[in-house]
Amino acid sequence: MEYSPNAKSARMSAILQLIPTGNIEIGTALMGKTGTTGVLVKIPLDVMAGTVFGDTLTLSGFPKYKKAIGKGIAALARLTDSTGATVISGLTVGTIGTDIILDNTAIVKGQRVTLEAFPTLIHAV
């Protein structure tokens, strides 16, 4: 299946409309298999801006900080809307070269987690 350029842009714009009142949930590899198990930190996207150009969504307003609610090695992330429903899942997490850039992936409950950057999202084919 392939999407037209207009369809890609519309989908990315829809994502941008859904997430400003949601969260970036960062978790262990278990988060992707079990839903809520393995969530280490939920970072609100309340003061965040974004732009869509063609098939590309760019978020700004980083770094963001939040205290961890769990302990483990951060591996996956997802974007949720205001109801907690997943908008995008399967985002990779690391300190360089991943979808979500953290200051540290070894998370301890109560630790301040810094979301350093969120690179651009490009619509799939």
N, C-alpha and C. Protein backbone atom coordinates (compact mmCIF):
# COMPACT_ATOMS: atom_id res chain seq x y z
N MET A 1 0.85 -1.16 0.00
CA MET A 1 0.00 0.00 0.00
C MET A 1 0.89 1.23 0.00
N GLU A 2 0.54 2.18 -0.81
CA GLU A 2 1.27 3.45 -0.84
C GLU A 2 0.27 4.58 -0.67
N TYR A 3 0.70 5.63 0.03
CA TYR A 3 -0.13 6.81 0.27
C TYR A 3 0.30 7.95 -0.63
N SER A 4 -0.66 8.76 -1.04
CA SER A 4 -0.34 9.95 -1.82
C SER A 4 0.34 10.97 -0.91
N PRO A 5 1.07 11.93 -1.48
CA PRO A 5 1.69 12.97 -0.65
C PRO A 5 0.66 13.72 0.21
N ASN A 6 -0.51 14.01 -0.33
CA ASN A 6 -1.53 14.71 0.45
C ASN A 6 -2.04 13.86 1.60
N ALA A 7 -2.19 12.56 1.39
CA ALA A 7 -2.65 11.67 2.45
C ALA A 7 -1.60 11.58 3.56
N LYS A 8 -0.33 11.50 3.19
CA LYS A 8 0.74 11.45 4.19
C LYS A 8 0.74 12.72 5.04
N SER A 9 0.64 13.86 4.39
CA SER A 9 0.63 15.13 5.11
C SER A 9 -0.57 15.23 6.04
N ALA A 10 -1.73 14.79 5.58
CA ALA A 10 -2.94 14.83 6.41
C ALA A 10 -2.81 13.91 7.62
N ARG A 11 -2.23 12.74 7.44
CA ARG A 11 -2.05 11.82 8.57
C ARG A 11 -1.08 12.40 9.59
N MET A 12 0.01 12.99 9.14
CA MET A 12 0.97 13.57 10.08
C MET A 12 0.36 14.77 10.80
N SER A 13 -0.45 15.55 10.10
CA SER A 13 -1.14 16.68 10.74
C SER A 13 -2.13 16.18 11.79
N ALA A 14 -2.81 15.08 11.51
CA ALA A 14 -3.75 14.50 12.48
C ALA A 14 -3.01 14.05 13.73
N ILE A 15 -1.85 13.45 13.57
CA ILE A 15 -1.04 13.05 14.72
C ILE A 15 -0.68 14.26 15.56
N LEU A 16 -0.28 15.32 14.91
CA LEU A 16 0.09 16.55 15.62
C LEU A 16 -1.08 17.09 16.43
N GLN A 17 -2.29 16.95 15.92
CA GLN A 17 -3.49 17.42 16.63
C GLN A 17 -3.83 16.52 17.83
N LEU A 18 -3.48 15.25 17.78
CA LEU A 18 -3.82 14.31 18.84
C LEU A 18 -2.88 14.35 20.05
N ILE A 19 -1.62 14.64 19.83
CA ILE A 19 -0.64 14.42 20.90
C ILE A 19 -0.34 15.58 21.84
N PRO A 20 -0.68 16.85 21.55
CA PRO A 20 -0.25 17.90 22.48
C PRO A 20 -0.79 17.77 23.90
N THR A 21 -1.87 17.05 24.09
CA THR A 21 -2.40 16.85 25.44
C THR A 21 -2.11 15.44 25.94
N GLY A 22 -1.22 14.75 25.25
CA GLY A 22 -0.87 13.38 25.63
C GLY A 22 0.49 13.30 26.29
N ASN A 23 1.10 12.13 26.15
CA ASN A 23 2.39 11.86 26.78
C ASN A 23 3.32 11.11 25.84
N ILE A 24 4.60 11.20 26.14
CA ILE A 24 5.56 10.26 25.62
C ILE A 24 5.79 9.28 26.76
N GLU A 25 5.43 8.03 26.54
CA GLU A 25 5.66 7.00 27.54
C GLU A 25 6.90 6.23 27.15
N ILE A 26 7.85 6.17 28.06
CA ILE A 26 9.12 5.49 27.82
C ILE A 26 9.17 4.27 28.71
N GLY A 27 9.54 3.14 28.13
CA GLY A 27 9.53 1.92 28.92
C GLY A 27 10.59 0.93 28.50
N THR A 28 10.54 -0.21 29.16
CA THR A 28 11.45 -1.31 28.85
C THR A 28 10.93 -2.04 27.62
N ALA A 29 11.67 -3.04 27.18
CA ALA A 29 11.24 -3.85 26.03
C ALA A 29 9.91 -4.54 26.31
N LEU A 30 9.58 -4.78 27.58
CA LEU A 30 8.30 -5.40 27.93
C LEU A 30 7.11 -4.53 27.59
N MET A 31 7.30 -3.21 27.58
CA MET A 31 6.20 -2.29 27.32
C MET A 31 5.54 -2.60 25.97
N GLY A 32 6.33 -2.97 25.00
CA GLY A 32 5.79 -3.26 23.68
C GLY A 32 4.97 -4.53 23.63
N LYS A 33 5.17 -5.43 24.58
CA LYS A 33 4.47 -6.71 24.57
C LYS A 33 3.27 -6.75 25.49
N THR A 34 3.28 -5.95 26.54
CA THR A 34 2.24 -6.07 27.55
C THR A 34 1.39 -4.83 27.74
N GLY A 35 1.68 -3.76 27.07
CA GLY A 35 0.86 -2.56 27.21
C GLY A 35 1.36 -1.62 28.28
N THR A 36 0.97 -1.85 29.54
CA THR A 36 1.35 -0.91 30.59
C THR A 36 2.54 -1.39 31.41
N THR A 37 2.80 -2.69 31.46
CA THR A 37 3.95 -3.21 32.19
C THR A 37 5.22 -2.67 31.56
N GLY A 38 6.14 -2.24 32.39
CA GLY A 38 7.42 -1.78 31.87
C GLY A 38 7.50 -0.29 31.61
N VAL A 39 6.44 0.47 31.87
CA VAL A 39 6.50 1.92 31.68
C VAL A 39 7.39 2.51 32.78
N LEU A 40 8.40 3.26 32.36
CA LEU A 40 9.35 3.84 33.30
C LEU A 40 9.06 5.30 33.61
N VAL A 41 8.58 6.03 32.61
CA VAL A 41 8.31 7.46 32.79
C VAL A 41 7.29 7.91 31.76
N LYS A 42 6.42 8.82 32.18
CA LYS A 42 5.45 9.44 31.28
C LYS A 42 5.76 10.93 31.25
N ILE A 43 6.16 11.43 30.09
CA ILE A 43 6.53 12.84 29.95
C ILE A 43 5.42 13.57 29.21
N PRO A 44 4.74 14.51 29.89
CA PRO A 44 3.64 15.24 29.24
C PRO A 44 4.13 16.08 28.06
N LEU A 45 3.29 16.14 27.04
CA LEU A 45 3.61 16.93 25.85
C LEU A 45 2.86 18.25 25.86
N ASP A 46 2.63 18.81 27.04
CA ASP A 46 1.79 20.00 27.19
C ASP A 46 2.37 21.27 26.60
N VAL A 47 3.66 21.49 26.71
CA VAL A 47 4.25 22.72 26.18
C VAL A 47 5.16 22.31 25.03
N MET A 48 4.54 21.88 23.96
CA MET A 48 5.28 21.36 22.84
C MET A 48 4.68 21.93 21.56
N ALA A 49 5.53 22.19 20.63
CA ALA A 49 5.07 22.68 19.34
C ALA A 49 5.54 21.70 18.27
N GLY A 50 4.91 21.79 17.14
CA GLY A 50 5.31 20.91 16.06
C GLY A 50 4.91 21.49 14.72
N THR A 51 5.56 21.00 13.70
CA THR A 51 5.24 21.43 12.34
C THR A 51 5.19 20.20 11.45
N VAL A 52 4.37 20.30 10.41
CA VAL A 52 4.29 19.26 9.41
C VAL A 52 4.67 19.88 8.07
N PHE A 53 5.60 19.22 7.39
CA PHE A 53 5.98 19.64 6.05
C PHE A 53 5.97 18.38 5.21
N GLY A 54 4.98 18.27 4.35
CA GLY A 54 4.84 17.06 3.53
C GLY A 54 4.58 15.86 4.40
N ASP A 55 5.46 14.86 4.32
CA ASP A 55 5.29 13.62 5.08
C ASP A 55 6.09 13.61 6.38
N THR A 56 6.58 14.78 6.81
CA THR A 56 7.48 14.85 7.96
C THR A 56 6.90 15.69 9.09
N LEU A 57 6.90 15.12 10.29
CA LEU A 57 6.43 15.79 11.50
C LEU A 57 7.65 16.08 12.37
N THR A 58 7.83 17.34 12.73
CA THR A 58 8.94 17.74 13.58
C THR A 58 8.38 18.34 14.86
N LEU A 59 8.77 17.77 15.99
CA LEU A 59 8.35 18.29 17.29
C LEU A 59 9.45 19.13 17.89
N SER A 60 9.06 20.18 18.63
CA SER A 60 10.03 21.03 19.30
C SER A 60 9.58 21.23 20.74
N GLY A 61 10.37 21.94 21.50
CA GLY A 61 10.06 22.17 22.91
C GLY A 61 10.83 21.25 23.83
N PHE A 62 11.94 20.77 23.38
CA PHE A 62 12.76 19.86 24.17
C PHE A 62 14.02 20.58 24.59
N PRO A 63 14.66 20.24 25.68
CA PRO A 63 14.44 19.05 26.48
C PRO A 63 13.22 19.16 27.40
N LYS A 64 12.74 18.01 27.83
CA LYS A 64 11.64 17.89 28.80
C LYS A 64 12.11 16.96 29.91
N TYR A 65 11.55 17.16 31.09
CA TYR A 65 12.00 16.42 32.26
C TYR A 65 10.80 15.84 33.01
N LYS A 66 11.00 14.70 33.64
CA LYS A 66 9.97 14.11 34.50
C LYS A 66 10.64 13.06 35.38
N LYS A 67 10.08 12.85 36.57
CA LYS A 67 10.61 11.82 37.46
C LYS A 67 10.09 10.45 37.05
N ALA A 68 10.98 9.46 37.12
CA ALA A 68 10.64 8.10 36.73
C ALA A 68 9.66 7.48 37.73
N ILE A 69 8.75 6.66 37.19
CA ILE A 69 7.79 5.93 38.02
C ILE A 69 8.14 4.45 38.10
N GLY A 70 9.20 4.05 37.41
CA GLY A 70 9.63 2.66 37.39
C GLY A 70 11.13 2.55 37.29
N LYS A 71 11.60 1.29 37.29
CA LYS A 71 13.03 1.02 37.22
C LYS A 71 13.29 0.03 36.10
N GLY A 72 14.32 0.30 35.29
CA GLY A 72 14.69 -0.62 34.23
C GLY A 72 15.50 0.08 33.16
N ILE A 73 15.74 -0.64 32.07
CA ILE A 73 16.49 -0.10 30.94
C ILE A 73 15.49 0.36 29.88
N ALA A 74 15.53 1.65 29.55
CA ALA A 74 14.63 2.21 28.55
C ALA A 74 14.98 1.65 27.18
N ALA A 75 13.95 1.15 26.47
CA ALA A 75 14.18 0.56 25.16
C ALA A 75 13.15 0.98 24.12
N LEU A 76 11.92 1.23 24.56
CA LEU A 76 10.83 1.57 23.65
C LEU A 76 10.07 2.79 24.14
N ALA A 77 9.36 3.43 23.23
CA ALA A 77 8.51 4.56 23.61
C ALA A 77 7.28 4.58 22.72
N ARG A 78 6.27 5.28 23.19
CA ARG A 78 5.06 5.49 22.41
C ARG A 78 4.51 6.87 22.71
N LEU A 79 3.75 7.40 21.78
CA LEU A 79 3.04 8.66 21.97
C LEU A 79 1.59 8.32 22.25
N THR A 80 1.01 8.98 23.25
CA THR A 80 -0.39 8.75 23.57
C THR A 80 -1.17 10.07 23.49
N ASP A 81 -2.48 9.94 23.33
CA ASP A 81 -3.33 11.13 23.35
C ASP A 81 -3.79 11.40 24.77
N SER A 82 -4.71 12.34 24.95
CA SER A 82 -5.15 12.74 26.29
C SER A 82 -5.87 11.63 27.04
N THR A 83 -6.41 10.63 26.34
CA THR A 83 -7.11 9.52 26.99
C THR A 83 -6.17 8.37 27.33
N GLY A 84 -4.91 8.47 26.91
CA GLY A 84 -3.96 7.39 27.12
C GLY A 84 -3.90 6.41 25.97
N ALA A 85 -4.72 6.64 24.94
CA ALA A 85 -4.70 5.75 23.78
C ALA A 85 -3.41 5.96 22.98
N THR A 86 -2.84 4.87 22.52
CA THR A 86 -1.60 4.95 21.76
C THR A 86 -1.86 5.54 20.38
N VAL A 87 -1.05 6.54 20.03
CA VAL A 87 -1.11 7.17 18.70
C VAL A 87 0.01 6.61 17.82
N ILE A 88 1.22 6.51 18.37
CA ILE A 88 2.37 5.92 17.68
C ILE A 88 3.09 5.03 18.69
N SER A 89 3.46 3.84 18.28
CA SER A 89 4.22 2.94 19.16
C SER A 89 5.44 2.42 18.44
N GLY A 90 6.28 1.70 19.18
CA GLY A 90 7.47 1.10 18.58
C GLY A 90 8.62 2.04 18.35
N LEU A 91 8.60 3.20 19.01
CA LEU A 91 9.71 4.15 18.88
C LEU A 91 10.90 3.63 19.67
N THR A 92 12.08 3.74 19.09
CA THR A 92 13.28 3.28 19.78
C THR A 92 13.79 4.36 20.73
N VAL A 93 14.49 3.91 21.77
CA VAL A 93 14.99 4.82 22.81
C VAL A 93 16.47 4.56 23.01
N GLY A 94 17.25 5.63 23.14
CA GLY A 94 18.67 5.50 23.41
C GLY A 94 19.27 6.86 23.71
N THR A 95 20.57 6.93 23.71
CA THR A 95 21.26 8.20 23.98
C THR A 95 21.78 8.84 22.69
N ILE A 96 21.72 8.11 21.59
CA ILE A 96 22.13 8.64 20.28
C ILE A 96 21.60 7.71 19.19
N GLY A 97 21.19 8.31 18.07
CA GLY A 97 20.81 7.52 16.91
C GLY A 97 19.51 6.75 17.02
N THR A 98 18.60 7.16 17.90
CA THR A 98 17.31 6.49 18.06
C THR A 98 16.18 7.51 17.90
N ASP A 99 14.94 7.02 17.90
CA ASP A 99 13.79 7.93 17.76
C ASP A 99 13.70 8.90 18.93
N ILE A 100 13.86 8.38 20.14
CA ILE A 100 13.79 9.17 21.36
C ILE A 100 15.19 9.22 21.96
N ILE A 101 15.67 10.43 22.25
CA ILE A 101 17.02 10.60 22.80
C ILE A 101 16.90 10.99 24.28
N LEU A 102 17.42 10.14 25.15
CA LEU A 102 17.45 10.40 26.59
C LEU A 102 18.87 10.71 27.04
N ASP A 103 18.97 11.29 28.23
CA ASP A 103 20.29 11.53 28.81
C ASP A 103 20.90 10.24 29.33
N ASN A 104 20.05 9.23 29.64
CA ASN A 104 20.51 7.99 30.24
C ASN A 104 19.40 6.96 30.06
N THR A 105 19.73 5.74 29.70
CA THR A 105 18.70 4.72 29.52
C THR A 105 18.55 3.80 30.73
N ALA A 106 19.48 3.86 31.69
CA ALA A 106 19.36 3.09 32.93
C ALA A 106 18.55 3.94 33.91
N ILE A 107 17.28 3.58 34.09
CA ILE A 107 16.35 4.40 34.86
C ILE A 107 16.09 3.79 36.23
N VAL A 108 16.07 4.65 37.25
CA VAL A 108 15.76 4.25 38.62
C VAL A 108 14.53 5.05 39.06
N LYS A 109 13.60 4.41 39.76
CA LYS A 109 12.39 5.09 40.22
C LYS A 109 12.76 6.35 41.00
N GLY A 110 12.10 7.46 40.67
CA GLY A 110 12.35 8.74 41.32
C GLY A 110 13.41 9.58 40.64
N GLN A 111 14.18 8.98 39.75
CA GLN A 111 15.23 9.69 39.02
C GLN A 111 14.61 10.71 38.06
N ARG A 112 15.26 11.83 37.89
CA ARG A 112 14.84 12.81 36.89
C ARG A 112 15.32 12.31 35.53
N VAL A 113 14.37 12.07 34.64
CA VAL A 113 14.68 11.60 33.28
C VAL A 113 14.59 12.80 32.35
N THR A 114 15.62 12.98 31.54
CA THR A 114 15.66 14.09 30.59
C THR A 114 15.44 13.55 29.18
N LEU A 115 14.38 14.01 28.56
CA LEU A 115 14.13 13.73 27.15
C LEU A 115 14.85 14.82 26.38
N GLU A 116 16.02 14.48 25.86
CA GLU A 116 16.88 15.46 25.21
C GLU A 116 16.33 15.92 23.87
N ALA A 117 15.88 14.97 23.07
CA ALA A 117 15.42 15.32 21.72
C ALA A 117 14.48 14.27 21.19
N PHE A 118 13.68 14.72 20.27
CA PHE A 118 12.75 13.86 19.56
C PHE A 118 12.93 14.17 18.09
N PRO A 119 13.68 13.33 17.39
CA PRO A 119 13.91 13.60 15.97
C PRO A 119 12.61 13.61 15.17
N THR A 120 12.69 14.01 13.96
CA THR A 120 11.51 14.09 13.11
C THR A 120 10.93 12.70 12.83
N LEU A 121 9.62 12.66 12.62
CA LEU A 121 8.93 11.44 12.22
C LEU A 121 8.58 11.56 10.74
N ILE A 122 8.92 10.54 9.99
CA ILE A 122 8.62 10.54 8.56
C ILE A 122 7.61 9.44 8.28
N HIS A 123 6.54 9.80 7.60
CA HIS A 123 5.47 8.84 7.28
C HIS A 123 6.04 7.68 6.47
N ALA A 124 5.61 6.48 6.80
CA ALA A 124 6.01 5.29 6.04
C ALA A 124 5.39 5.36 4.64
N VAL A 125 5.85 4.49 3.78
CA VAL A 125 5.38 4.44 2.40
C VAL A 125 3.90 4.57 2.41
